Protein backbone atom coordinates (compact mmCIF):
# COMPACT_ATOMS: atom_id res chain seq x y z
CA UNK A 1 -57.41 -11.14 103.65
CA UNK A 2 -56.01 -10.87 107.17
CA UNK A 3 -58.27 -11.95 110.01
CA UNK A 4 -58.97 -9.77 113.03
CA UNK A 5 -56.72 -12.10 115.03
CA UNK A 6 -53.88 -11.32 112.61
CA UNK A 7 -54.60 -7.58 112.73
CA UNK A 8 -54.48 -7.59 116.56
CA UNK A 9 -51.05 -9.29 116.73
CA UNK A 10 -49.00 -6.10 117.27
CA UNK A 11 -51.13 -5.24 120.32
CA UNK A 12 -51.93 -8.70 121.71
CA UNK A 13 -50.69 -7.96 125.23
CA UNK A 14 -52.38 -4.55 125.23
CA UNK A 15 -55.62 -6.12 124.01
CA UNK A 16 -55.63 -8.47 127.01
CA UNK A 17 -55.22 -5.46 129.29
CA UNK A 18 -58.12 -3.76 127.54
CA UNK A 19 -60.34 -6.84 127.97
CA UNK A 20 -59.44 -6.96 131.67
CA UNK A 21 -60.37 -3.30 132.05
CA UNK A 22 -63.73 -3.94 130.36
CA UNK A 23 -64.48 -6.76 132.81
CA UNK A 24 -63.47 -4.52 135.71
CA UNK A 25 -65.84 -1.78 134.55
CA UNK A 26 -68.72 -4.26 134.36
CA UNK A 27 -68.25 -5.07 138.04
CA UNK A 28 -68.62 -1.45 139.21
CA UNK A 29 -72.35 -1.67 139.95
CA UNK A 30 -74.37 -3.96 142.21
CA UNK A 31 -77.80 -3.51 140.64
CA UNK A 32 -78.69 -6.99 139.38
CA UNK A 33 -80.95 -5.84 136.55
CA UNK A 34 -78.47 -3.24 135.30
CA UNK A 35 -75.64 -5.77 135.53
CA UNK A 36 -77.69 -8.25 133.51
CA UNK A 37 -78.39 -5.70 130.76
CA UNK A 38 -74.76 -4.55 130.62
CA UNK A 39 -73.57 -8.15 130.38
CA UNK A 40 -75.97 -8.71 127.49
CA UNK A 41 -74.67 -5.64 125.67
CA UNK A 42 -71.07 -6.74 126.23
CA UNK A 43 -71.82 -10.26 124.96
CA UNK A 44 -72.92 -8.94 121.56
CA UNK A 45 -70.16 -6.38 121.15
CA UNK A 46 -69.07 -8.00 117.90
CA UNK A 47 -65.77 -7.24 116.21
CA UNK A 48 -64.77 -4.37 118.53
CA UNK A 49 -63.09 -2.51 115.70
CA UNK A 50 -63.25 0.82 117.52
CA UNK A 51 -60.99 -0.10 120.47
CA UNK A 52 -58.73 -1.88 117.99
CA UNK A 53 -58.32 1.39 116.08
CA UNK A 54 -57.61 3.24 119.34
CA UNK A 55 -54.84 0.84 120.37
CA UNK A 56 -53.20 0.60 116.95
CA UNK A 57 -53.33 4.39 116.47
CA UNK A 58 -51.57 4.82 119.82
CA UNK A 59 -48.91 2.19 119.34
CA UNK A 60 -47.93 3.27 115.82
CA UNK A 61 -46.48 6.31 117.62
CA UNK A 62 -45.59 5.24 121.14
CA UNK A 63 -46.34 2.42 123.61
CA UNK A 64 -49.94 2.01 124.74
CA UNK A 65 -50.61 3.56 128.14
CA UNK A 66 -53.32 3.16 130.75
CA UNK A 67 -54.79 6.35 129.27
CA UNK A 68 -55.08 4.56 125.94
CA UNK A 69 -56.95 1.64 127.48
CA UNK A 70 -59.42 3.91 129.27
CA UNK A 71 -59.90 5.94 126.11
CA UNK A 72 -60.65 2.78 124.16
CA UNK A 73 -63.15 1.62 126.78
CA UNK A 74 -64.83 5.04 126.87
CA UNK A 75 -65.28 5.25 123.10
CA UNK A 76 -66.59 1.70 122.80
CA UNK A 77 -69.05 2.38 125.62
CA UNK A 78 -70.19 5.62 124.00
CA UNK A 79 -70.75 3.74 120.75
CA UNK A 80 -72.77 1.00 122.48
CA UNK A 81 -74.84 3.51 124.46
CA UNK A 82 -75.73 5.31 121.24
CA UNK A 83 -76.85 2.02 119.67
CA UNK A 84 -79.09 1.22 122.64
CA UNK A 85 -80.72 4.65 122.36
CA UNK A 86 -80.91 4.52 118.53
CA UNK A 87 -82.77 1.21 118.63
CA UNK A 88 -85.42 2.81 120.84
CA UNK A 89 -85.68 5.87 118.58
CA UNK A 90 -85.83 3.75 115.41
CA UNK A 91 -88.10 1.14 117.01
CA UNK A 92 -85.68 -1.54 115.79
CA UNK A 93 -86.45 -4.93 117.32
CA UNK A 94 -83.07 -6.47 116.52
CA UNK A 95 -79.42 -5.48 116.40
CA UNK A 96 -77.25 -7.68 114.18
CA UNK A 97 -79.72 -10.54 114.35
CA UNK A 98 -80.10 -10.43 118.14
CA UNK A 99 -82.95 -8.87 120.14
CA UNK A 100 -82.45 -5.19 120.93
CA UNK A 101 -82.22 -4.24 124.60
CA UNK A 102 -85.63 -2.56 124.62
CA UNK A 103 -87.13 -5.69 123.04
CA UNK A 104 -85.89 -7.98 125.83
CA UNK A 105 -86.60 -5.54 128.65
CA UNK A 106 -88.38 -2.23 127.96
CA UNK A 107 -87.84 1.23 126.49
CA UNK A 108 -87.39 2.64 129.98
CA UNK A 109 -84.69 0.14 130.91
CA UNK A 110 -82.94 0.62 127.56
CA UNK A 111 -82.85 4.41 127.89
CA UNK A 112 -81.72 4.30 131.52
CA UNK A 113 -79.01 1.75 130.71
CA UNK A 114 -77.77 3.94 127.90
CA UNK A 115 -77.72 6.91 130.28
CA UNK A 116 -75.75 4.89 132.83
CA UNK A 117 -73.20 3.96 130.15
CA UNK A 118 -72.83 7.61 129.16
CA UNK A 119 -72.12 8.46 132.80
CA UNK A 120 -69.43 5.76 132.82
CA UNK A 121 -67.93 7.34 129.69
CA UNK A 122 -67.64 10.65 131.54
CA UNK A 123 -65.94 8.90 134.44
CA UNK A 124 -63.42 7.12 132.22
CA UNK A 125 -62.54 10.30 130.34
CA UNK A 126 -62.14 12.16 133.63
CA UNK A 127 -59.63 9.52 134.76
CA UNK A 128 -57.60 10.07 131.57
CA UNK A 129 -57.11 13.75 132.53
CA UNK A 130 -56.46 14.97 128.99
CA UNK A 131 -58.39 17.99 127.74
CA UNK A 132 -57.86 17.07 124.08
CA UNK A 133 -59.38 13.60 124.57
CA UNK A 134 -62.26 15.19 126.44
CA UNK A 135 -62.82 17.50 123.45
CA UNK A 136 -62.73 14.55 121.03
CA UNK A 137 -65.25 12.53 123.04
CA UNK A 138 -67.52 15.54 123.53
CA UNK A 139 -67.44 16.34 119.81
CA UNK A 140 -68.24 12.72 119.00
CA UNK A 141 -71.24 12.67 121.34
CA UNK A 142 -72.66 15.74 119.61
CA UNK A 143 -71.94 14.27 116.18
CA UNK A 144 -73.70 10.97 116.92
CA UNK A 145 -76.80 12.78 118.14
CA UNK A 146 -76.90 15.23 115.24
CA UNK A 147 -76.33 12.34 112.81
CA UNK A 148 -79.35 10.53 114.21
CA UNK A 149 -81.39 13.73 113.89
CA UNK A 150 -80.24 14.09 110.28
CA UNK A 151 -81.27 10.50 109.59
CA UNK A 152 -84.67 11.04 111.18
CA UNK A 153 -85.22 14.14 109.06
CA UNK A 154 -84.10 12.28 105.95
CA UNK A 155 -86.54 9.52 106.85
CA UNK A 156 -89.42 11.99 106.65
CA UNK A 157 -88.65 12.69 102.99
CA UNK A 158 -87.06 9.25 102.34
CA UNK A 159 -85.57 10.13 98.97
CA UNK A 160 -82.26 11.75 99.84
CA UNK A 161 -79.44 12.38 97.38
CA UNK A 162 -75.83 11.24 97.64
CA UNK A 163 -74.66 14.42 99.37
CA UNK A 164 -77.31 14.03 102.09
CA UNK A 165 -76.47 10.35 102.49
CA UNK A 166 -72.79 11.18 102.93
CA UNK A 167 -73.61 13.81 105.57
CA UNK A 168 -75.47 11.20 107.60
CA UNK A 169 -72.74 8.57 107.51
CA UNK A 170 -70.11 11.24 108.10
CA UNK A 171 -71.83 12.27 111.34
CA UNK A 172 -72.59 8.77 112.58
CA UNK A 173 -69.86 6.37 111.44
CA UNK A 174 -66.96 8.34 109.98
CA UNK A 175 -66.73 10.67 112.99
CA UNK A 176 -66.79 7.68 115.34
CA UNK A 177 -63.76 6.03 113.73
CA UNK A 178 -62.01 9.39 113.43
CA UNK A 179 -62.47 9.98 117.14
CA UNK A 180 -60.99 6.55 117.88
CA UNK A 181 -57.87 7.14 115.81
CA UNK A 182 -57.36 10.73 117.03
CA UNK A 183 -57.94 9.91 120.68
CA UNK A 184 -55.69 6.86 120.47
CA UNK A 185 -52.92 9.01 119.01
CA UNK A 186 -53.44 11.70 121.66
CA UNK A 187 -53.38 9.16 124.50
CA UNK A 188 -49.90 7.98 123.49
CA UNK A 189 -48.42 11.44 123.00
CA UNK A 190 -48.31 11.45 119.20
CA UNK A 191 -47.38 14.68 117.46
CA UNK A 192 -50.10 16.97 116.11
CA UNK A 193 -49.14 15.97 112.56
CA UNK A 194 -49.38 12.26 113.39
CA UNK A 195 -52.73 12.78 115.10
CA UNK A 196 -54.10 14.64 112.06
CA UNK A 197 -52.95 11.86 109.70
CA UNK A 198 -54.49 9.17 111.88
CA UNK A 199 -57.70 11.17 112.20
CA UNK A 200 -57.97 11.34 108.42
CA UNK A 201 -57.32 7.59 108.21
CA UNK A 202 -60.04 6.87 110.80
CA UNK A 203 -62.63 9.03 109.06
CA UNK A 204 -62.05 7.29 105.72
CA UNK A 205 -62.07 3.86 107.36
CA UNK A 206 -65.46 4.74 108.84
CA UNK A 207 -66.84 5.72 105.43
CA UNK A 208 -65.60 2.42 103.96
CA UNK A 209 -67.13 0.47 106.83
CA UNK A 210 -70.57 2.08 106.52
CA UNK A 211 -70.75 1.84 102.73
CA UNK A 212 -69.88 -1.86 103.00
CA UNK A 213 -72.71 -2.29 105.50
CA UNK A 214 -75.08 -0.61 103.05
CA UNK A 215 -73.93 -2.87 100.21
CA UNK A 216 -74.77 -5.84 102.43
CA UNK A 217 -78.41 -4.72 102.36
CA UNK A 218 -78.54 -5.92 98.75
CA UNK A 219 -76.78 -9.20 99.47
CA UNK A 220 -78.12 -12.72 99.87
CA UNK A 221 -75.53 -13.77 102.47
CA UNK A 222 -77.08 -15.58 105.43
CA UNK A 223 -74.17 -14.62 107.71
CA UNK A 224 -75.23 -10.99 107.90
CA UNK A 225 -77.43 -11.42 110.95
CA UNK A 226 -80.13 -9.10 109.63
CA UNK A 227 -82.71 -9.38 106.85
CA UNK A 228 -81.65 -7.89 103.54
CA UNK A 229 -83.33 -4.63 102.51
CA UNK A 230 -83.86 -3.87 106.19
CA UNK A 231 -82.80 -0.24 105.75
CA UNK A 232 -85.35 0.34 103.01
CA UNK A 233 -88.06 -1.32 105.09
CA UNK A 234 -87.28 1.30 107.74
CA UNK A 235 -87.45 4.12 105.18
CA UNK A 236 -83.65 4.56 104.95
CA UNK A 237 -82.23 4.94 101.44
CA UNK A 238 -78.52 4.15 101.04
CA UNK A 239 -75.85 4.61 98.37
CA UNK A 240 -76.53 1.58 96.10
CA UNK A 241 -80.18 2.57 95.60
CA UNK A 242 -79.39 6.29 95.37
CA UNK A 243 -76.90 5.59 92.59
CA UNK A 244 -79.27 3.28 90.70
CA UNK A 245 -82.07 5.86 90.87
CA UNK A 246 -79.75 8.50 89.42
CA UNK A 247 -78.83 6.26 86.46
CA UNK A 248 -82.25 4.81 85.64
CA UNK A 249 -84.86 6.29 83.27
CA UNK A 250 -87.34 8.50 85.14
CA UNK A 251 -90.33 6.18 84.74
CA UNK A 252 -88.46 3.19 86.16
CA UNK A 253 -87.02 5.26 88.98
CA UNK A 254 -90.47 6.59 89.87
CA UNK A 255 -91.83 3.04 90.01
CA UNK A 256 -89.08 1.99 92.41
CA UNK A 257 -89.67 5.08 94.56
CA UNK A 258 -93.33 4.12 94.81
CA UNK A 259 -92.38 0.58 95.82
CA UNK A 260 -90.01 1.91 98.48
CA UNK A 261 -92.55 4.31 99.97
CA UNK A 262 -95.21 1.62 100.23
CA UNK A 263 -92.69 -0.83 101.67
CA UNK A 264 -91.61 1.61 104.37
CA UNK A 265 -95.26 2.40 105.12
CA UNK A 266 -95.98 -1.34 105.59
CA UNK A 267 -98.61 -1.26 102.84
CA UNK A 268 -97.63 -4.61 101.33
CA UNK A 269 -98.84 -7.91 102.70
CA UNK A 270 -96.40 -10.57 103.82
CA UNK A 271 -97.05 -12.42 100.56
CA UNK A 272 -96.40 -9.32 98.44
CA UNK A 273 -93.21 -8.20 100.16
CA UNK A 274 -90.79 -10.76 98.62
CA UNK A 275 -91.81 -9.80 95.09
CA UNK A 276 -91.34 -6.08 95.80
CA UNK A 277 -87.99 -6.64 97.50
CA UNK A 278 -86.78 -8.75 94.59
CA UNK A 279 -87.87 -6.03 92.14
CA UNK A 280 -85.94 -3.32 94.03
CA UNK A 281 -82.86 -5.49 94.41
CA UNK A 282 -82.92 -6.39 90.70
CA UNK A 283 -83.26 -2.69 89.86
CA UNK A 284 -80.18 -1.79 91.94
CA UNK A 285 -78.13 -4.54 90.34
CA UNK A 286 -79.30 -3.76 86.80
CA UNK A 287 -78.28 -0.12 87.10
CA UNK A 288 -75.03 -1.04 88.89
CA UNK A 289 -75.79 0.76 92.14
CA UNK A 290 -73.80 -1.81 94.08
CA UNK A 291 -70.80 -1.42 91.75
CA UNK A 292 -70.86 2.35 92.16
CA UNK A 293 -70.85 1.96 95.95
CA UNK A 294 -67.87 -0.40 95.73
CA UNK A 295 -65.94 2.13 93.63
CA UNK A 296 -66.60 4.89 96.14
CA UNK A 297 -65.45 2.60 98.93
CA UNK A 298 -62.23 1.70 97.09
CA UNK A 299 -61.49 5.38 96.48
CA UNK A 300 -61.82 6.08 100.21
CA UNK A 301 -59.56 3.11 100.96
CA UNK A 302 -56.88 4.55 98.67
CA UNK A 303 -57.08 7.92 100.42
CA UNK A 304 -56.89 6.26 103.84
CA UNK A 305 -53.78 4.30 102.85
CA UNK A 306 -52.15 7.50 101.60
CA UNK A 307 -52.88 9.16 104.96
CA UNK A 308 -50.58 6.59 106.62
CA UNK A 309 -47.61 7.26 104.32
CA UNK A 310 -45.95 9.53 106.85
CA UNK A 311 -45.44 6.59 109.24
CA UNK A 312 -42.49 4.24 109.04
CA UNK A 313 -43.12 0.66 107.96
CA UNK A 314 -44.04 -1.31 111.07
CA UNK A 315 -46.45 -3.97 112.27
CA UNK A 316 -48.95 -1.41 113.48
CA UNK A 317 -49.03 0.38 110.12
CA UNK A 318 -49.49 -2.92 108.30
CA UNK A 319 -52.35 -3.79 110.65
CA UNK A 320 -54.08 -0.47 110.02
CA UNK A 321 -53.84 -1.06 106.27
CA UNK A 322 -55.05 -4.63 106.73
CA UNK A 323 -58.01 -3.25 108.70
CA UNK A 324 -59.04 -1.29 105.60
CA UNK A 325 -58.96 -4.49 103.56
CA UNK A 326 -60.98 -6.24 106.25
CA UNK A 327 -63.59 -3.47 106.27
CA UNK A 328 -64.24 -3.66 102.52
CA UNK A 329 -63.87 -7.42 102.01
CA UNK A 330 -65.68 -8.79 105.09
CA UNK A 331 -68.75 -10.96 104.57
CA UNK A 332 -70.58 -9.78 107.70
């Protein structure tokens, strides 16, 4: 499997320009507390797949422009702002194994920092001066918010079906990657047909990425940076468990539902929790919920690869395909 370093090779010089722009944006305020929080958010930005998708989607058509770099920075900032706000809404103390912003500072500071980042997004998009990119970013902002609302509503009932699950990840993750690929294409002057193909690729990449994250919840890997079964503890049911519940006999499924409800309601003691978590994980594995999720992910990968067929063979195309492999084979 190609590493992210390998995948970035076609846009190495452009990536350095993007990193320089990010640093420049961080210096645009003189409030010490705000600067400290923004630096913390930037330090845990992780793989930065979203700006990578923007740059590759631009350069597969035409050379990366300053508009592309600002578009990439805007979309990554919008993503990070939504995470800061989501952690407050979900009352999540950690993000990928590190303290959430509201945990280190306060809810007020987290919300205000997220608002400041959204204002910066507006400024960056204004500088791009492209109505189509503005439309993409605006649509994404609405989608992220409605996706969080959908997830909150689903959390009230807990036991969603596969169609409801897919609607949530479509709104939150798939639309984010689609926006990155479409906006990247638009920033470099790609044709409408190229932009549509890249948008389809991005959406399917996002579905693969989120399903892989949900499979991780039933993994024992220490590298994940979050406790396994964390989604279920928060009352969020994902594809592996949904599939297992559909395949299991009703009495066994009802038992697992009862376990999940009590787990989310914090009704188990610290000593009881490991036994319950092990029982749910064993249930998912016994009824092949994880295998079903993998098959869905592989089907989306195949569709995403087919979406790129219209492009000539080039380094950028190979990197986009390699990014699909990275998304489904990564260990964290």
